[in-house]
PDB file of all heavy atoms in Angstrom:
ATOM      1  N   THR A   1    -130.863 -46.624  18.641  1.00  0.00           N
ATOM      2  CA  THR A   1    -130.509 -45.434  19.300  1.00  0.00           C
ATOM      3  C   THR A   1    -129.594 -44.558  18.374  1.00  0.00           C
ATOM      4  O   THR A   1    -129.980 -43.799  17.608  1.00  0.00           O
ATOM      5  CB  THR A   1    -129.777 -45.756  20.643  1.00  0.00           C
ATOM      6  OG1 THR A   1    -128.623 -46.523  20.370  1.00  0.00           O
ATOM      7  CG2 THR A   1    -130.733 -46.417  21.551  1.00  0.00           C
ATOM      8  N   VAL A   2    -128.167 -44.657  18.574  1.00  0.00           N
ATOM      9  CA  VAL A   2    -127.307 -43.760  17.816  1.00  0.00           C
ATOM     10  C   VAL A   2    -127.370 -43.733  16.526  1.00  0.00           C
ATOM     11  O   VAL A   2    -127.008 -42.792  15.657  1.00  0.00           O
ATOM     12  CB  VAL A   2    -125.956 -43.970  18.471  1.00  0.00           C
ATOM     13  CG1 VAL A   2    -125.833 -43.587  19.857  1.00  0.00           C
ATOM     14  CG2 VAL A   2    -125.434 -45.360  18.145  1.00  0.00           C
ATOM     15  N   ARG A   3    -127.700 -44.881  15.835  1.00  0.00           N
ATOM     16  CA  ARG A   3    -127.800 -44.955  14.361  1.00  0.00           C
ATOM     17  C   ARG A   3    -129.252 -44.701  13.858  1.00  0.00           C
ATOM     18  O   ARG A   3    -129.439 -44.699  12.622  1.00  0.00           O
ATOM     19  CB  ARG A   3    -127.592 -46.379  13.823  1.00  0.00           C
ATOM     20  CG  ARG A   3    -126.091 -46.802  14.077  1.00  0.00           C
ATOM     21  CD  ARG A   3    -125.803 -48.216  13.787  1.00  0.00           C
ATOM     22  NE  ARG A   3    -124.552 -48.825  13.841  1.00  0.00           N
ATOM     23  CZ  ARG A   3    -124.188 -50.069  13.896  1.00  0.00           C
ATOM     24  NH1 ARG A   3    -125.181 -51.009  13.813  1.00  0.00           N
ATOM     25  NH2 ARG A   3    -123.019 -50.457  13.939  1.00  0.00           N
ATOM     26  N   SER A   4    -130.234 -44.338  14.688  1.00  0.00           N
ATOM     27  CA  SER A   4    -131.555 -44.093  14.399  1.00  0.00           C
ATOM     28  C   SER A   4    -131.879 -42.579  14.161  1.00  0.00           C
ATOM     29  O   SER A   4    -131.238 -41.806  14.780  1.00  0.00           O
ATOM     30  CB  SER A   4    -132.431 -44.733  15.377  1.00  0.00           C
ATOM     31  OG  SER A   4    -133.836 -44.287  15.267  1.00  0.00           O
ATOM     32  N   PRO A   5    -132.835 -42.280  13.226  1.00  0.00           N
ATOM     33  CA  PRO A   5    -133.221 -40.929  13.211  1.00  0.00           C
ATOM     34  C   PRO A   5    -133.772 -40.481  14.430  1.00  0.00           C
ATOM     35  O   PRO A   5    -133.838 -39.066  14.719  1.00  0.00           O
ATOM     36  CB  PRO A   5    -134.476 -41.077  12.075  1.00  0.00           C
ATOM     37  CG  PRO A   5    -134.072 -42.166  11.189  1.00  0.00           C
ATOM     38  CD  PRO A   5    -133.442 -43.061  12.218  1.00  0.00           C
ATOM     39  N   LEU A   6    -134.224 -41.392  15.407  1.00  0.00           N
ATOM     40  CA  LEU A   6    -134.695 -40.932  16.727  1.00  0.00           C
ATOM     41  C   LEU A   6    -133.592 -40.105  17.531  1.00  0.00           C
ATOM     42  O   LEU A   6    -133.884 -39.408  18.391  1.00  0.00           O
ATOM     43  CB  LEU A   6    -135.172 -42.126  17.544  1.00  0.00           C
ATOM     44  CG  LEU A   6    -136.386 -42.901  17.023  1.00  0.00           C
ATOM     45  CD1 LEU A   6    -136.551 -44.224  17.748  1.00  0.00           C
ATOM     46  CD2 LEU A   6    -137.574 -42.052  17.078  1.00  0.00           C
ATOM     47  N   TRP A   7    -132.333 -40.403  17.194  1.00  0.00           N
ATOM     48  CA  TRP A   7    -131.232 -39.825  17.894  1.00  0.00           C
ATOM     49  C   TRP A   7    -131.184 -38.206  17.595  1.00  0.00           C
ATOM     50  O   TRP A   7    -130.853 -37.488  18.565  1.00  0.00           O
ATOM     51  CB  TRP A   7    -129.854 -40.442  17.378  1.00  0.00           C
ATOM     52  CG  TRP A   7    -128.861 -40.002  18.467  1.00  0.00           C
ATOM     53  CD1 TRP A   7    -127.795 -39.043  18.335  1.00  0.00           C
ATOM     54  CD2 TRP A   7    -128.558 -40.645  19.735  1.00  0.00           C
ATOM     55  NE1 TRP A   7    -127.041 -39.073  19.464  1.00  0.00           N
ATOM     56  CE2 TRP A   7    -127.429 -40.017  20.230  1.00  0.00           C
ATOM     57  CE3 TRP A   7    -129.242 -41.696  20.347  1.00  0.00           C
ATOM     58  CZ2 TRP A   7    -127.062 -40.445  21.510  1.00  0.00           C
ATOM     59  CZ3 TRP A   7    -128.774 -41.990  21.636  1.00  0.00           C
ATOM     60  CH2 TRP A   7    -127.596 -41.340  22.207  1.00  0.00           C
ATOM     61  N   ASN A   8    -131.752 -37.782  16.401  1.00  0.00           N
ATOM     62  CA  ASN A   8    -131.847 -36.308  16.202  1.00  0.00           C
ATOM     63  C   ASN A   8    -133.011 -35.785  17.131  1.00  0.00           C
ATOM     64  O   ASN A   8    -132.730 -34.659  17.693  1.00  0.00           O
ATOM     65  CB  ASN A   8    -132.325 -36.059  14.789  1.00  0.00           C
ATOM     66  CG  ASN A   8    -131.021 -36.192  13.787  1.00  0.00           C
ATOM     67  OD1 ASN A   8    -129.917 -36.203  14.119  1.00  0.00           O
ATOM     68  ND2 ASN A   8    -131.453 -36.520  12.467  1.00  0.00           N
ATOM     69  N   GLU A   9    -133.936 -36.498  17.432  1.00  0.00           N
ATOM     70  CA  GLU A   9    -134.967 -36.038  18.267  1.00  0.00           C
ATOM     71  C   GLU A   9    -134.548 -36.038  19.701  1.00  0.00           C
ATOM     72  O   GLU A   9    -134.859 -35.270  20.570  1.00  0.00           O
ATOM     73  CB  GLU A   9    -136.264 -36.907  18.128  1.00  0.00           C
ATOM     74  CG  GLU A   9    -136.854 -36.763  16.751  1.00  0.00           C
ATOM     75  CD  GLU A   9    -137.015 -35.388  16.216  1.00  0.00           C
ATOM     76  OE1 GLU A   9    -137.444 -34.550  16.898  1.00  0.00           O
ATOM     77  OE2 GLU A   9    -136.476 -35.065  15.098  1.00  0.00           O
ATOM     78  N   PHE A  10    -133.625 -36.917  19.992  1.00  0.00           N
ATOM     79  CA  PHE A  10    -133.052 -37.066  21.348  1.00  0.00           C
ATOM     80  C   PHE A  10    -132.116 -35.679  21.476  1.00  0.00           C
ATOM     81  O   PHE A  10    -132.192 -35.045  22.513  1.00  0.00           O
ATOM     82  CB  PHE A  10    -132.093 -38.268  21.393  1.00  0.00           C
ATOM     83  CG  PHE A  10    -131.461 -38.355  22.766  1.00  0.00           C
ATOM     84  CD1 PHE A  10    -132.105 -38.334  23.923  1.00  0.00           C
ATOM     85  CD2 PHE A  10    -130.040 -38.631  22.816  1.00  0.00           C
ATOM     86  CE1 PHE A  10    -131.478 -38.584  25.195  1.00  0.00           C
ATOM     87  CE2 PHE A  10    -129.414 -38.942  23.981  1.00  0.00           C
ATOM     88  CZ  PHE A  10    -130.185 -38.846  25.211  1.00  0.00           C
ATOM     89  N   ASP A  11    -131.367 -35.319  20.526  1.00  0.00           N
ATOM     90  CA  ASP A  11    -130.606 -34.113  20.541  1.00  0.00           C
ATOM     91  C   ASP A  11    -131.539 -32.859  20.637  1.00  0.00           C
ATOM     92  O   ASP A  11    -131.240 -31.883  21.272  1.00  0.00           O
ATOM     93  CB  ASP A  11    -129.722 -33.991  19.455  1.00  0.00           C
ATOM     94  CG  ASP A  11    -128.342 -34.860  19.423  1.00  0.00           C
ATOM     95  OD1 ASP A  11    -128.050 -35.170  20.549  1.00  0.00           O
ATOM     96  OD2 ASP A  11    -127.745 -35.032  18.398  1.00  0.00           O
ATOM     97  N   ARG A  12    -132.707 -32.903  20.013  1.00  0.00           N
ATOM     98  CA  ARG A  12    -133.652 -31.861  19.926  1.00  0.00           C
ATOM     99  C   ARG A  12    -134.192 -31.626  21.351  1.00  0.00           C
ATOM    100  O   ARG A  12    -134.479 -30.590  21.889  1.00  0.00           O
ATOM    101  CB  ARG A  12    -134.743 -32.044  18.828  1.00  0.00           C
ATOM    102  CG  ARG A  12    -135.431 -30.866  18.563  1.00  0.00           C
ATOM    103  CD  ARG A  12    -136.630 -31.231  17.639  1.00  0.00           C
ATOM    104  NE  ARG A  12    -136.226 -31.750  16.441  1.00  0.00           N
ATOM    105  CZ  ARG A  12    -135.785 -31.068  15.326  1.00  0.00           C
ATOM    106  NH1 ARG A  12    -135.719 -29.787  15.421  1.00  0.00           N
ATOM    107  NH2 ARG A  12    -135.344 -31.740  14.178  1.00  0.00           N
ATOM    108  N   SER A  13    -134.718 -32.854  22.008  1.00  0.00           N
ATOM    109  CA  SER A  13    -135.038 -32.889  23.305  1.00  0.00           C
ATOM    110  C   SER A  13    -136.344 -32.117  23.584  1.00  0.00           C
ATOM    111  O   SER A  13    -136.546 -31.488  24.651  1.00  0.00           O
ATOM    112  CB  SER A  13    -134.010 -32.442  24.303  1.00  0.00           C
ATOM    113  OG  SER A  13    -132.972 -33.497  24.323  1.00  0.00           O
ATOM    114  N   VAL A  14    -137.182 -32.043  22.687  1.00  0.00           N
ATOM    115  CA  VAL A  14    -138.447 -31.415  22.751  1.00  0.00           C
ATOM    116  C   VAL A  14    -139.467 -32.213  23.610  1.00  0.00           C
ATOM    117  O   VAL A  14    -140.075 -31.780  24.496  1.00  0.00           O
ATOM    118  CB  VAL A  14    -139.153 -31.007  21.354  1.00  0.00           C
ATOM    119  CG1 VAL A  14    -140.599 -30.599  21.632  1.00  0.00           C
ATOM    120  CG2 VAL A  14    -138.339 -29.897  20.619  1.00  0.00           C
ATOM    121  N   GLN A  15    -139.471 -33.493  23.408  1.00  0.00           N
ATOM    122  CA  GLN A  15    -140.129 -34.511  24.127  1.00  0.00           C
ATOM    123  C   GLN A  15    -139.499 -34.632  25.469  1.00  0.00           C
ATOM    124  O   GLN A  15    -138.348 -34.537  25.587  1.00  0.00           O
ATOM    125  CB  GLN A  15    -140.259 -35.838  23.413  1.00  0.00           C
ATOM    126  CG  GLN A  15    -140.805 -35.769  22.006  1.00  0.00           C
ATOM    127  CD  GLN A  15    -140.809 -37.074  21.287  1.00  0.00           C
ATOM    128  OE1 GLN A  15    -141.144 -38.068  21.817  1.00  0.00           O
ATOM    129  NE2 GLN A  15    -140.145 -37.143  20.039  1.00  0.00           N
ATOM    130  N   PRO A  16    -140.421 -35.174  26.436  1.00  0.00           N
ATOM    131  CA  PRO A  16    -139.802 -35.467  27.752  1.00  0.00           C
ATOM    132  C   PRO A  16    -138.941 -36.662  27.652  1.00  0.00           C
ATOM    133  O   PRO A  16    -139.006 -37.491  26.658  1.00  0.00           O
ATOM    134  CB  PRO A  16    -141.099 -35.830  28.544  1.00  0.00           C
ATOM    135  CG  PRO A  16    -142.279 -35.271  27.804  1.00  0.00           C
ATOM    136  CD  PRO A  16    -141.782 -35.255  26.331  1.00  0.00           C
ATOM    137  N   ASP A  17    -137.874 -36.781  28.536  1.00  0.00           N
ATOM    138  CA  ASP A  17    -136.946 -38.014  28.466  1.00  0.00           C
ATOM    139  C   ASP A  17    -137.666 -39.260  28.435  1.00  0.00           C
ATOM    140  O   ASP A  17    -137.266 -40.180  27.764  1.00  0.00           O
ATOM    141  CB  ASP A  17    -136.028 -37.762  29.712  1.00  0.00           C
ATOM    142  CG  ASP A  17    -134.936 -36.715  29.551  1.00  0.00           C
ATOM    143  OD1 ASP A  17    -134.983 -36.138  28.439  1.00  0.00           O
ATOM    144  OD2 ASP A  17    -134.180 -36.495  30.520  1.00  0.00           O
ATOM    145  N   GLU A  18    -138.797 -39.336  29.327  1.00  0.00           N
ATOM    146  CA  GLU A  18    -139.435 -40.679  29.305  1.00  0.00           C
ATOM    147  C   GLU A  18    -139.897 -41.127  27.953  1.00  0.00           C
ATOM    148  O   GLU A  18    -140.000 -42.215  27.577  1.00  0.00           O
ATOM    149  CB  GLU A  18    -140.694 -40.611  30.278  1.00  0.00           C
ATOM    150  CG  GLU A  18    -140.194 -40.312  31.714  1.00  0.00           C
ATOM    151  CD  GLU A  18    -139.901 -38.929  31.990  1.00  0.00           C
ATOM    152  OE1 GLU A  18    -140.097 -38.017  31.092  1.00  0.00           O
ATOM    153  OE2 GLU A  18    -139.354 -38.659  33.143  1.00  0.00           O
ATOM    154  N   ALA A  19    -140.407 -40.172  27.051  1.00  0.00           N
ATOM    155  CA  ALA A  19    -140.948 -40.466  25.879  1.00  0.00           C
ATOM    156  C   ALA A  19    -139.798 -40.814  24.881  1.00  0.00           C
ATOM    157  O   ALA A  19    -139.899 -41.604  23.952  1.00  0.00           O
ATOM    158  CB  ALA A  19    -141.772 -39.254  25.366  1.00  0.00           C
ATOM    159  N   LEU A  20    -138.817 -40.145  25.006  1.00  0.00           N
ATOM    160  CA  LEU A  20    -137.447 -40.483  24.213  1.00  0.00           C
ATOM    161  C   LEU A  20    -137.040 -41.716  24.416  1.00  0.00           C
ATOM    162  O   LEU A  20    -136.765 -42.576  23.532  1.00  0.00           O
ATOM    163  CB  LEU A  20    -136.428 -39.324  24.379  1.00  0.00           C
ATOM    164  CG  LEU A  20    -136.703 -38.008  23.986  1.00  0.00           C
ATOM    165  CD1 LEU A  20    -135.840 -36.987  24.607  1.00  0.00           C
ATOM    166  CD2 LEU A  20    -136.771 -37.902  22.443  1.00  0.00           C
ATOM    167  N   LEU A  21    -137.012 -42.176  25.755  1.00  0.00           N
ATOM    168  CA  LEU A  21    -136.547 -43.537  26.103  1.00  0.00           C
ATOM    169  C   LEU A  21    -137.419 -44.533  25.613  1.00  0.00           C
ATOM    170  O   LEU A  21    -136.960 -45.592  24.924  1.00  0.00           O
ATOM    171  CB  LEU A  21    -136.335 -43.729  27.533  1.00  0.00           C
ATOM    172  CG  LEU A  21    -136.129 -45.166  28.124  1.00  0.00           C
ATOM    173  CD1 LEU A  21    -134.821 -45.528  27.568  1.00  0.00           C
ATOM    174  CD2 LEU A  21    -136.021 -45.109  29.692  1.00  0.00           C
ATOM    175  N   ALA A  22    -138.672 -44.273  25.782  1.00  0.00           N
ATOM    176  CA  ALA A  22    -139.837 -45.195  25.132  1.00  0.00           C
ATOM    177  C   ALA A  22    -139.649 -45.437  23.629  1.00  0.00           C
ATOM    178  O   ALA A  22    -139.800 -46.471  23.131  1.00  0.00           O
ATOM    179  CB  ALA A  22    -141.141 -44.679  25.538  1.00  0.00           C
ATOM    180  N   GLY A  23    -139.412 -44.334  22.989  1.00  0.00           N
ATOM    181  CA  GLY A  23    -139.096 -44.367  21.495  1.00  0.00           C
ATOM    182  C   GLY A  23    -137.920 -45.261  21.121  1.00  0.00           C
ATOM    183  O   GLY A  23    -138.056 -46.115  20.259  1.00  0.00           O
ATOM    184  N   PHE A  24    -136.758 -45.144  21.768  1.00  0.00           N
ATOM    185  CA  PHE A  24    -135.758 -46.016  21.566  1.00  0.00           C
ATOM    186  C   PHE A  24    -136.067 -47.442  21.861  1.00  0.00           C
ATOM    187  O   PHE A  24    -135.774 -48.443  21.055  1.00  0.00           O
ATOM    188  CB  PHE A  24    -134.533 -45.580  22.446  1.00  0.00           C
ATOM    189  CG  PHE A  24    -133.923 -44.259  22.218  1.00  0.00           C
ATOM    190  CD1 PHE A  24    -133.445 -43.469  23.068  1.00  0.00           C
ATOM    191  CD2 PHE A  24    -133.740 -43.860  20.777  1.00  0.00           C
ATOM    192  CE1 PHE A  24    -132.802 -42.229  22.788  1.00  0.00           C
ATOM    193  CE2 PHE A  24    -133.177 -42.699  20.457  1.00  0.00           C
ATOM    194  CZ  PHE A  24    -132.552 -41.863  21.398  1.00  0.00           C
ATOM    195  N   GLN A  25    -136.712 -47.702  22.925  1.00  0.00           N
ATOM    196  CA  GLN A  25    -137.095 -49.135  23.282  1.00  0.00           C
ATOM    197  C   GLN A  25    -138.048 -49.728  22.316  1.00  0.00           C
ATOM    198  O   GLN A  25    -137.912 -50.929  22.066  1.00  0.00           O
ATOM    199  CB  GLN A  25    -137.679 -49.157  24.727  1.00  0.00           C
ATOM    200  CG  GLN A  25    -136.665 -48.888  25.818  1.00  0.00           C
ATOM    201  CD  GLN A  25    -137.294 -48.836  27.255  1.00  0.00           C
ATOM    202  OE1 GLN A  25    -138.256 -48.229  27.418  1.00  0.00           O
ATOM    203  NE2 GLN A  25    -136.576 -49.436  28.168  1.00  0.00           N
ATOM    204  N   ALA A  26    -139.074 -48.939  21.769  1.00  0.00           N
ATOM    205  CA  ALA A  26    -139.947 -49.328  20.798  1.00  0.00           C
ATOM    206  C   ALA A  26    -139.218 -49.763  19.501  1.00  0.00           C
ATOM    207  O   ALA A  26    -139.863 -50.658  18.855  1.00  0.00           O
ATOM    208  CB  ALA A  26    -141.044 -48.319  20.673  1.00  0.00           C
ATOM    209  N   ALA A  27    -138.128 -49.157  19.348  1.00  0.00           N
ATOM    210  CA  ALA A  27    -137.353 -49.356  18.046  1.00  0.00           C
ATOM    211  C   ALA A  27    -136.488 -50.730  18.143  1.00  0.00           C
ATOM    212  O   ALA A  27    -135.779 -51.038  17.164  1.00  0.00           O
ATOM    213  CB  ALA A  27    -136.486 -48.182  17.733  1.00  0.00           C
ATOM    214  N   ALA A  28    -136.447 -51.198  19.416  1.00  0.00           N
ATOM    215  CA  ALA A  28    -135.675 -52.421  19.676  1.00  0.00           C
ATOM    216  C   ALA A  28    -136.468 -53.431  20.504  1.00  0.00           C
ATOM    217  O   ALA A  28    -136.141 -53.885  21.565  1.00  0.00           O
ATOM    218  CB  ALA A  28    -134.374 -52.068  20.456  1.00  0.00           C
ATOM    219  N   PRO A  29    -137.492 -54.063  19.738  1.00  0.00           N
ATOM    220  CA  PRO A  29    -138.265 -55.115  20.420  1.00  0.00           C
ATOM    221  C   PRO A  29    -137.405 -56.216  20.927  1.00  0.00           C
ATOM    222  O   PRO A  29    -136.695 -56.819  20.193  1.00  0.00           O
ATOM    223  CB  PRO A  29    -139.335 -55.472  19.411  1.00  0.00           C
ATOM    224  CG  PRO A  29    -139.168 -54.719  18.254  1.00  0.00           C
ATOM    225  CD  PRO A  29    -137.874 -53.831  18.381  1.00  0.00           C
ATOM    226  N   GLY A  30    -137.613 -56.567  22.206  1.00  0.00           N
ATOM    227  CA  GLY A  30    -136.889 -57.610  22.799  1.00  0.00           C
ATOM    228  C   GLY A  30    -135.580 -57.264  23.455  1.00  0.00           C
ATOM    229  O   GLY A  30    -134.964 -58.095  24.112  1.00  0.00           O
ATOM    230  N   TYR A  31    -135.256 -55.914  23.236  1.00  0.00           N
ATOM    231  CA  TYR A  31    -133.976 -55.516  23.700  1.00  0.00           C
ATOM    232  C   TYR A  31    -134.279 -54.195  24.632  1.00  0.00           C
ATOM    233  O   TYR A  31    -133.263 -53.363  24.812  1.00  0.00           O
ATOM    234  CB  TYR A  31    -133.003 -55.118  22.699  1.00  0.00           C
ATOM    235  CG  TYR A  31    -132.577 -56.380  21.970  1.00  0.00           C
ATOM    236  CD1 TYR A  31    -133.090 -56.658  20.665  1.00  0.00           C
ATOM    237  CD2 TYR A  31    -131.536 -57.172  22.292  1.00  0.00           C
ATOM    238  CE1 TYR A  31    -132.808 -57.724  19.849  1.00  0.00           C
ATOM    239  CE2 TYR A  31    -131.200 -58.314  21.616  1.00  0.00           C
ATOM    240  CZ  TYR A  31    -131.812 -58.565  20.390  1.00  0.00           C
ATOM    241  OH  TYR A  31    -131.442 -59.699  19.592  1.00  0.00           O
ATOM    242  N   GLU A  32    -135.550 -54.185  25.188  1.00  0.00           N
ATOM    243  CA  GLU A  32    -135.873 -52.996  25.974  1.00  0.00           C
ATOM    244  C   GLU A  32    -134.948 -52.747  27.234  1.00  0.00           C
ATOM    245  O   GLU A  32    -134.526 -51.695  27.496  1.00  0.00           O
ATOM    246  CB  GLU A  32    -137.273 -53.085  26.481  1.00  0.00           C
ATOM    247  CG  GLU A  32    -138.287 -52.882  25.269  1.00  0.00           C
ATOM    248  CD  GLU A  32    -138.573 -54.348  24.709  1.00  0.00           C
ATOM    249  OE1 GLU A  32    -137.906 -55.372  25.053  1.00  0.00           O
ATOM    250  OE2 GLU A  32    -139.537 -54.332  23.779  1.00  0.00           O
ATOM    251  N   ALA A  33    -134.611 -53.940  27.882  1.00  0.00           N
ATOM    252  CA  ALA A  33    -133.751 -53.827  28.971  1.00  0.00           C
ATOM    253  C   ALA A  33    -132.277 -53.272  28.677  1.00  0.00           C
ATOM    254  O   ALA A  33    -131.612 -52.496  29.462  1.00  0.00           O
ATOM    255  CB  ALA A  33    -133.595 -55.219  29.685  1.00  0.00           C
ATOM    256  N   GLN A  34    -131.827 -53.732  27.532  1.00  0.00           N
ATOM    257  CA  GLN A  34    -130.526 -53.336  26.986  1.00  0.00           C
ATOM    258  C   GLN A  34    -130.511 -51.893  26.640  1.00  0.00           C
ATOM    259  O   GLN A  34    -129.470 -51.093  26.930  1.00  0.00           O
ATOM    260  CB  GLN A  34    -130.004 -54.180  25.955  1.00  0.00           C
ATOM    261  CG  GLN A  34    -129.742 -55.499  26.250  1.00  0.00           C
ATOM    262  CD  GLN A  34    -130.883 -56.581  26.364  1.00  0.00           C
ATOM    263  OE1 GLN A  34    -132.033 -56.147  26.197  1.00  0.00           O
ATOM    264  NE2 GLN A  34    -130.621 -57.874  26.488  1.00  0.00           N
ATOM    265  N   VAL A  35    -131.551 -51.444  26.044  1.00  0.00           N
ATOM    266  CA  VAL A  35    -131.628 -49.966  25.756  1.00  0.00           C
ATOM    267  C   VAL A  35    -131.699 -49.120  27.022  1.00  0.00           C
ATOM    268  O   VAL A  35    -131.111 -48.005  27.113  1.00  0.00           O
ATOM    269  CB  VAL A  35    -132.953 -49.684  24.913  1.00  0.00           C
ATOM    270  CG1 VAL A  35    -133.103 -48.220  24.686  1.00  0.00           C
ATOM    271  CG2 VAL A  35    -132.718 -50.362  23.518  1.00  0.00           C
ATOM    272  N   GLN A  36    -132.481 -49.625  28.008  1.00  0.00           N
ATOM    273  CA  GLN A  36    -132.368 -49.047  29.339  1.00  0.00           C
ATOM    274  C   GLN A  36    -131.006 -48.970  29.904  1.00  0.00           C
ATOM    275  O   GLN A  36    -130.643 -47.821  30.559  1.00  0.00           O
ATOM    276  CB  GLN A  36    -133.336 -49.836  30.314  1.00  0.00           C
ATOM    277  CG  GLN A  36    -133.299 -49.222  31.767  1.00  0.00           C
ATOM    278  CD  GLN A  36    -134.253 -47.971  31.894  1.00  0.00           C
ATOM    279  OE1 GLN A  36    -135.324 -47.825  31.294  1.00  0.00           O
ATOM    280  NE2 GLN A  36    -133.646 -46.903  32.513  1.00  0.00           N
ATOM    281  N   MET A  37    -130.210 -49.953  29.797  1.00  0.00           N
ATOM    282  CA  MET A  37    -128.777 -49.931  30.371  1.00  0.00           C
ATOM    283  C   MET A  37    -128.032 -48.958  29.610  1.00  0.00           C
ATOM    284  O   MET A  37    -127.347 -48.151  30.242  1.00  0.00           O
ATOM    285  CB  MET A  37    -128.312 -51.284  30.157  1.00  0.00           C
ATOM    286  CG  MET A  37    -128.799 -52.307  31.097  1.00  0.00           C
ATOM    287  SD  MET A  37    -128.149 -54.138  30.697  1.00  0.00           S
ATOM    288  CE  MET A  37    -126.450 -53.843  31.105  1.00  0.00           C
ATOM    289  N   LEU A  38    -128.170 -48.740  28.306  1.00  0.00           N
ATOM    290  CA  LEU A  38    -127.468 -47.615  27.584  1.00  0.00           C
ATOM    291  C   LEU A  38    -127.851 -46.378  28.034  1.00  0.00           C
ATOM    292  O   LEU A  38    -127.046 -45.482  28.255  1.00  0.00           O
ATOM    293  CB  LEU A  38    -127.654 -47.836  26.055  1.00  0.00           C
ATOM    294  CG  LEU A  38    -127.088 -46.744  25.268  1.00  0.00           C
ATOM    295  CD1 LEU A  38    -125.544 -46.698  25.408  1.00  0.00           C
ATOM    296  CD2 LEU A  38    -127.443 -46.886  23.788  1.00  0.00           C
ATOM    297  N   TRP A  39    -129.156 -46.112  28.235  1.00  0.00           N
ATOM    298  CA  TRP A  39    -129.759 -44.874  28.785  1.00  0.00           C
ATOM    299  C   TRP A  39    -129.137 -44.476  30.030  1.00  0.00           C
ATOM    300  O   TRP A  39    -128.800 -43.326  30.336  1.00  0.00           O
ATOM    301  CB  TRP A  39    -131.227 -45.094  28.868  1.00  0.00           C
ATOM    302  CG  TRP A  39    -131.971 -43.753  29.370  1.00  0.00           C
ATOM    303  CD1 TRP A  39    -132.379 -43.597  30.651  1.00  0.00           C
ATOM    304  CD2 TRP A  39    -132.499 -42.788  28.591  1.00  0.00           C
ATOM    305  NE1 TRP A  39    -133.072 -42.355  30.641  1.00  0.00           N
ATOM    306  CE2 TRP A  39    -133.127 -41.930  29.370  1.00  0.00           C
ATOM    307  CE3 TRP A  39    -132.422 -42.480  27.144  1.00  0.00           C
ATOM    308  CZ2 TRP A  39    -133.711 -40.667  28.980  1.00  0.00           C
ATOM    309  CZ3 TRP A  39    -132.879 -41.419  26.730  1.00  0.00           C
ATOM    310  CH2 TRP A  39    -133.734 -40.432  27.572  1.00  0.00           C
ATOM    311  N   GLU A  40    -128.834 -45.463  30.878  1.00  0.00           N
ATOM    312  CA  GLU A  40    -128.225 -45.097  32.266  1.00  0.00           C
ATOM    313  C   GLU A  40    -126.711 -44.975  32.082  1.00  0.00           C
ATOM    314  O   GLU A  40    -126.095 -44.483  33.103  1.00  0.00           O
ATOM    315  CB  GLU A  40    -128.419 -46.302  33.128  1.00  0.00           C
ATOM    316  CG  GLU A  40    -130.045 -46.409  33.526  1.00  0.00           C
ATOM    317  CD  GLU A  40    -130.324 -47.746  34.173  1.00  0.00           C
ATOM    318  OE1 GLU A  40    -129.493 -48.538  34.486  1.00  0.00           O
ATOM    319  OE2 GLU A  40    -131.496 -47.851  34.545  1.00  0.00           O
ATOM    320  N   HIS A  41    -126.122 -45.184  30.935  1.00  0.00           N
ATOM    321  CA  HIS A  41    -124.673 -45.205  30.754  1.00  0.00           C
ATOM    322  C   HIS A  41    -124.354 -44.109  29.548  1.00  0.00           C
ATOM    323  O   HIS A  41    -123.140 -44.286  29.123  1.00  0.00           O
ATOM    324  CB  HIS A  41    -123.958 -46.483  30.522  1.00  0.00           C
ATOM    325  CG  HIS A  41    -124.002 -47.393  31.781  1.00  0.00           C
ATOM    326  ND1 HIS A  41    -125.061 -48.121  32.004  1.00  0.00           N
ATOM    327  CD2 HIS A  41    -123.102 -47.567  32.711  1.00  0.00           C
ATOM    328  CE1 HIS A  41    -124.842 -48.766  33.119  1.00  0.00           C
ATOM    329  NE2 HIS A  41    -123.559 -48.474  33.604  1.00  0.00           N
ATOM    330  N   ILE A  42    -125.264 -43.219  29.323  1.00  0.00           N
ATOM    331  CA  ILE A  42    -124.945 -42.328  28.214  1.00  0.00           C
ATOM    332  C   ILE A  42    -123.658 -41.508  28.500  1.00  0.00           C
ATOM    333  O   ILE A  42    -122.940 -41.120  27.489  1.00  0.00           O
ATOM    334  CB  ILE A  42    -126.212 -41.504  27.913  1.00  0.00           C
ATOM    335  CG1 ILE A  42    -127.059 -42.197  27.109  1.00  0.00           C
ATOM    336  CG2 ILE A  42    -125.905 -40.190  27.247  1.00  0.00           C
ATOM    337  CD1 ILE A  42    -128.481 -41.571  26.809  1.00  0.00           C
ATOM    338  N   SER A  43    -123.379 -41.121  29.682  1.00  0.00           N
ATOM    339  CA  SER A  43    -122.170 -40.256  29.993  1.00  0.00           C
ATOM    340  C   SER A  43    -120.922 -40.960  29.423  1.00  0.00           C
ATOM    341  O   SER A  43    -119.962 -40.208  29.171  1.00  0.00           O
ATOM    342  CB  SER A  43    -122.151 -39.959  31.436  1.00  0.00           C
ATOM    343  OG  SER A  43    -121.988 -41.124  32.153  1.00  0.00           O
TER     344      SER A  43
END
């Protein structure tokens, strides 16, 4: 997430949020649930 180049695309937000979340989860195989938890606590 935050250390990944994908974070720039998150800031750009051209893609739908669902696609951005899926991209983060795909970059962390086996940790999809944990990435979801971060997504819910971004604030």
